[in-house]
C-alpha atoms as a PDB file:
ATOM      1  CA  MET A   1      98.705  68.916 110.588  1.00  0.00           C
ATOM      2  CA  PHE A   2     101.498  67.066 109.050  1.00  0.00           C
ATOM      3  CA  SER A   3     104.852  65.970 110.255  1.00  0.00           C
ATOM      4  CA  ARG A   4     107.938  67.826 109.185  1.00  0.00           C
ATOM      5  CA  GLU A   5     108.795  64.803 106.696  1.00  0.00           C
ATOM      6  CA  GLU A   6     105.193  64.882 105.356  1.00  0.00           C
ATOM      7  CA  ALA A   7     105.265  68.719 104.863  1.00  0.00           C
ATOM      8  CA  LYS A   8     108.584  68.616 102.918  1.00  0.00           C
ATOM      9  CA  GLN A   9     107.342  65.645 100.914  1.00  0.00           C
ATOM     10  CA  ILE A  10     104.221  67.594  99.889  1.00  0.00           C
ATOM     11  CA  ARG A  11     106.303  70.842  99.020  1.00  0.00           C
ATOM     12  CA  GLN A  12     108.632  68.627  97.023  1.00  0.00           C
ATOM     13  CA  GLU A  13     105.586  67.036  95.208  1.00  0.00           C
ATOM     14  CA  PHE A  14     104.294  70.523  94.274  1.00  0.00           C
ATOM     15  CA  TRP A  15     107.533  71.855  92.852  1.00  0.00           C
ATOM     16  CA  THR A  16     108.277  68.645  90.889  1.00  0.00           C
ATOM     17  CA  SER A  17     104.803  68.580  89.305  1.00  0.00           C
ATOM     18  CA  PHE A  18     105.312  72.194  88.607  1.00  0.00           C
ATOM     19  CA  GLY A  19     108.516  71.720  86.742  1.00  0.00           C
ATOM     20  CA  LYS A  20     106.702  68.809  84.820  1.00  0.00           C
ATOM     21  CA  GLU A  21     103.901  71.066  83.666  1.00  0.00           C
ATOM     22  CA  PHE A  22     105.739  74.162  82.957  1.00  0.00           C
ATOM     23  CA  PRO A  23     109.167  72.688  81.632  1.00  0.00           C
ATOM     24  CA  HIS A  24     110.746  76.058  81.133  1.00  0.00           C
ATOM     25  CA  LYS A  25     114.315  76.997  81.997  1.00  0.00           C
ATOM     26  CA  TRP A  26     113.645  79.823  84.509  1.00  0.00           C
ATOM     27  CA  LEU A  27     116.062  82.494  85.010  1.00  0.00           C
ATOM     28  CA  LEU A  28     115.791  82.551  89.000  1.00  0.00           C
ATOM     29  CA  TYR A  29     119.307  82.799  90.350  1.00  0.00           C
ATOM     30  CA  ASN A  30     120.967  83.121  86.948  1.00  0.00           C
ATOM     31  CA  THR A  31     120.375  86.730  86.567  1.00  0.00           C
ATOM     32  CA  LYS A  32     124.321  87.299  85.909  1.00  0.00           C
ATOM     33  CA  MET A  33     123.906  89.877  88.768  1.00  0.00           C
ATOM     34  CA  LYS A  34     124.866  88.447  92.333  1.00  0.00           C
ATOM     35  CA  GLU A  35     122.601  91.004  94.094  1.00  0.00           C
ATOM     36  CA  ILE A  36     119.364  90.102  92.208  1.00  0.00           C
ATOM     37  CA  GLN A  37     117.430  86.805  92.067  1.00  0.00           C
ATOM     38  CA  LEU A  38     114.044  85.906  90.788  1.00  0.00           C
ATOM     39  CA  LYS A  39     112.082  83.639  93.001  1.00  0.00           C
ATOM     40  CA  PHE A  40     108.946  81.593  93.297  1.00  0.00           C
ATOM     41  CA  SER A  41     107.417  81.219  96.727  1.00  0.00           C
ATOM     42  CA  PHE A  42     104.452  79.202  97.812  1.00  0.00           C
ATOM     43  CA  GLU A  43     103.700  78.449 101.496  1.00  0.00           C
ATOM     44  CA  HIS A  44     100.749  78.445 103.946  1.00  0.00           C
ATOM     45  CA  LYS A  45      98.867  81.508 102.905  1.00  0.00           C
ATOM     46  CA  ILE A  46     100.244  83.143  99.873  1.00  0.00           C
ATOM     47  CA  ALA A  47     102.119  82.255  96.563  1.00  0.00           C
ATOM     48  CA  GLN A  48     104.595  84.912  95.237  1.00  0.00           C
ATOM     49  CA  VAL A  49     106.657  85.737  92.106  1.00  0.00           C
ATOM     50  CA  SER A  50     109.360  88.052  93.094  1.00  0.00           C
ATOM     51  CA  LEU A  51     112.634  89.990  92.197  1.00  0.00           C
ATOM     52  CA  ASP A  52     114.865  90.174  95.242  1.00  0.00           C
ATOM     53  CA  ILE A  53     117.773  92.481  95.891  1.00  0.00           C
ATOM     54  CA  THR A  54     119.574  90.388  98.275  1.00  0.00           C
ATOM     55  CA  ASP A  55     122.812  92.050  98.998  1.00  0.00           C
ATOM     56  CA  ALA A  56     123.620  92.515 102.571  1.00  0.00           C
ATOM     57  CA  ASP A  57     124.811  96.096 102.150  1.00  0.00           C
ATOM     58  CA  GLU A  58     121.843  98.453 102.546  1.00  0.00           C
ATOM     59  CA  LEU A  59     123.521 101.076 100.264  1.00  0.00           C
ATOM     60  CA  ILE A  60     123.813  98.418  97.275  1.00  0.00           C
ATOM     61  CA  ARG A  61     120.102  97.382  97.892  1.00  0.00           C
ATOM     62  CA  ASP A  62     118.952 101.049  98.069  1.00  0.00           C
ATOM     63  CA  TYR A  63     120.892 101.646  94.866  1.00  0.00           C
ATOM     64  CA  TYR A  64     119.137  98.751  92.810  1.00  0.00           C
ATOM     65  CA  PHE A  65     115.889  99.450  94.389  1.00  0.00           C
ATOM     66  CA  GLU A  66     115.833 103.075  93.267  1.00  0.00           C
ATOM     67  CA  LYS A  67     116.646 102.054  89.771  1.00  0.00           C
ATOM     68  CA  LEU A  68     113.818  99.588  89.830  1.00  0.00           C
ATOM     69  CA  LEU A  69     111.669 102.021  91.318  1.00  0.00           C
ATOM     70  CA  SER A  70     112.380 104.319  88.350  1.00  0.00           C
ATOM     71  CA  LEU A  71     110.733 101.633  86.141  1.00  0.00           C
ATOM     72  CA  LYS A  72     107.839 101.211  88.255  1.00  0.00           C
ATOM     73  CA  THR A  73     105.359 102.807  85.474  1.00  0.00           C
ATOM     74  CA  VAL A  74     106.591 100.761  82.712  1.00  0.00           C
ATOM     75  CA  LEU A  75     106.601  97.594  84.788  1.00  0.00           C
ATOM     76  CA  LYS A  76     102.941  98.226  85.896  1.00  0.00           C
ATOM     77  CA  ASP A  77     101.875  99.388  82.748  1.00  0.00           C
ATOM     78  CA  SER A  78     103.302  96.758  80.249  1.00  0.00           C
ATOM     79  CA  TYR A  79     104.044  93.781  82.485  1.00  0.00           C
ATOM     80  CA  LEU A  80     102.671  93.299  85.905  1.00  0.00           C
ATOM     81  CA  PRO A  81      99.906  95.821  86.944  1.00  0.00           C
ATOM     82  CA  GLU A  82      99.720  94.277  90.357  1.00  0.00           C
ATOM     83  CA  ILE A  83     103.324  94.437  91.251  1.00  0.00           C
ATOM     84  CA  ILE A  84     104.200  95.695  94.831  1.00  0.00           C
ATOM     85  CA  PHE A  85     107.375  97.316  95.822  1.00  0.00           C
ATOM     86  CA  ASP A  86     108.930  96.568  99.333  1.00  0.00           C
ATOM     87  CA  LYS A  87     112.197  98.408 100.189  1.00  0.00           C
ATOM     88  CA  ASP A  88     112.596  96.405 103.357  1.00  0.00           C
ATOM     89  CA  TYR A  89     111.014  93.099 103.093  1.00  0.00           C
ATOM     90  CA  PHE A  90     111.650  90.610 105.975  1.00  0.00           C
ATOM     91  CA  LEU A  91     112.248  87.130 105.214  1.00  0.00           C
ATOM     92  CA  PRO A  92     111.152  84.415 107.732  1.00  0.00           C
ATOM     93  CA  GLU A  93     114.783  83.606 108.531  1.00  0.00           C
ATOM     94  CA  GLY A  94     115.476  87.062 109.607  1.00  0.00           C
ATOM     95  CA  LYS A  95     117.110  88.453 106.638  1.00  0.00           C
ATOM     96  CA  THR A  96     115.904  91.754 104.869  1.00  0.00           C
ATOM     97  CA  VAL A  97     115.735  91.941 101.318  1.00  0.00           C
ATOM     98  CA  SER A  98     114.404  94.707  98.819  1.00  0.00           C
ATOM     99  CA  ARG A  99     111.507  92.849  96.955  1.00  0.00           C
ATOM    100  CA  ILE A 100     109.347  93.638  94.194  1.00  0.00           C
ATOM    101  CA  TYR A 101     106.480  91.102  93.757  1.00  0.00           C
ATOM    102  CA  VAL A 102     103.110  89.920  92.814  1.00  0.00           C
ATOM    103  CA  GLU A 103     101.190  87.398  95.065  1.00  0.00           C
ATOM    104  CA  MET A 104      98.071  85.358  95.406  1.00  0.00           C
ATOM    105  CA  GLU A 105      96.757  85.289  98.846  1.00  0.00           C
ATOM    106  CA  GLY A 106      94.336  82.809 100.255  1.00  0.00           C
ATOM    107  CA  VAL A 107      96.003  79.541  98.928  1.00  0.00           C
ATOM    108  CA  ASN A 108      97.886  76.800 100.739  1.00  0.00           C
ATOM    109  CA  ILE A 109     100.500  74.432  99.440  1.00  0.00           C
ATOM    110  CA  TYR A 110      99.338  71.714 101.569  1.00  0.00           C
ATOM    111  CA  ASN A 111      95.914  71.759  99.959  1.00  0.00           C
ATOM    112  CA  LYS A 112      96.168  70.272  96.532  1.00  0.00           C
ATOM    113  CA  LYS A 113      92.919  71.968  95.295  1.00  0.00           C
ATOM    114  CA  PHE A 114      94.861  75.174  95.053  1.00  0.00           C
ATOM    115  CA  TRP A 115      97.682  73.784  93.017  1.00  0.00           C
ATOM    116  CA  PRO A 116      96.338  74.250  89.413  1.00  0.00           C
ATOM    117  CA  GLU A 117      95.475  77.894  89.927  1.00  0.00           C
ATOM    118  CA  VAL A 118      98.878  78.542  91.766  1.00  0.00           C
ATOM    119  CA  LYS A 119     100.844  76.902  89.155  1.00  0.00           C
ATOM    120  CA  GLN A 120      99.262  78.984  86.492  1.00  0.00           C
ATOM    121  CA  PHE A 121      99.763  82.120  88.445  1.00  0.00           C
ATOM    122  CA  LEU A 122     103.482  81.381  89.163  1.00  0.00           C
ATOM    123  CA  ALA A 123     104.187  80.341  85.513  1.00  0.00           C
ATOM    124  CA  GLU A 124     102.427  83.542  83.896  1.00  0.00           C
ATOM    125  CA  ASN A 125     103.765  86.051  86.227  1.00  0.00           C
ATOM    126  CA  MET A 126     107.332  84.709  86.222  1.00  0.00           C
ATOM    127  CA  LEU A 127     107.386  84.872  82.370  1.00  0.00           C
ATOM    128  CA  LYS A 128     106.368  88.375  82.594  1.00  0.00           C
ATOM    129  CA  LEU A 129     108.986  89.193  85.274  1.00  0.00           C
ATOM    130  CA  GLU A 130     111.668  87.571  83.173  1.00  0.00           C
ATOM    131  CA  GLU A 131     110.675  89.292  80.233  1.00  0.00           C
ATOM    132  CA  PHE A 132     110.737  92.666  82.144  1.00  0.00           C
ATOM    133  CA  PHE A 133     114.266  91.805  83.510  1.00  0.00           C
ATOM    134  CA  ASP A 134     115.524  90.793  79.981  1.00  0.00           C
ATOM    135  CA  ASP A 135     114.254  94.115  78.609  1.00  0.00           C
ATOM    136  CA  PHE A 136     115.790  96.291  81.130  1.00  0.00           C
ATOM    137  CA  GLN A 137     118.725  94.283  82.516  1.00  0.00           C
ATOM    138  CA  ASP A 138     121.207  96.511  80.933  1.00  0.00           C
ATOM    139  CA  PHE A 139     119.760  99.616  82.593  1.00  0.00           C
ATOM    140  CA  ILE A 140     119.662  97.858  86.048  1.00  0.00           C
ATOM    141  CA  LYS A 141     123.302  96.618  85.635  1.00  0.00           C
ATOM    142  CA  ASP A 142     124.786 100.105  84.812  1.00  0.00           C
END
């Protein structure tokens, strides 16, 4: 195992190298909607690209989740066929969000042999998720 500092350093090295290999201005938190964020995640067993509805108010989360659910067919058919919808996704810190995501299992940020494959997965899928969000953001906002 790694010390806390070594683990932090490895994670930082991954994300720095990812940014250098894929120098794209990712949308992420700049959706212009405080309730919605696009995210990259890569930890011990999985890598994810997600759209999170983060509002603490369950009614607001439900509202946006239902809007996204109404776009499920077009999202699966035209952008991300493997997308997963989870109305109540529990984050490790105890917070609940609504999340739509794609994931890669069986990978580990602390094993560099996975890095090239994960970087490609993250970049390709985030580009598709950003394209979907860009195409439908007016519908989602209204």
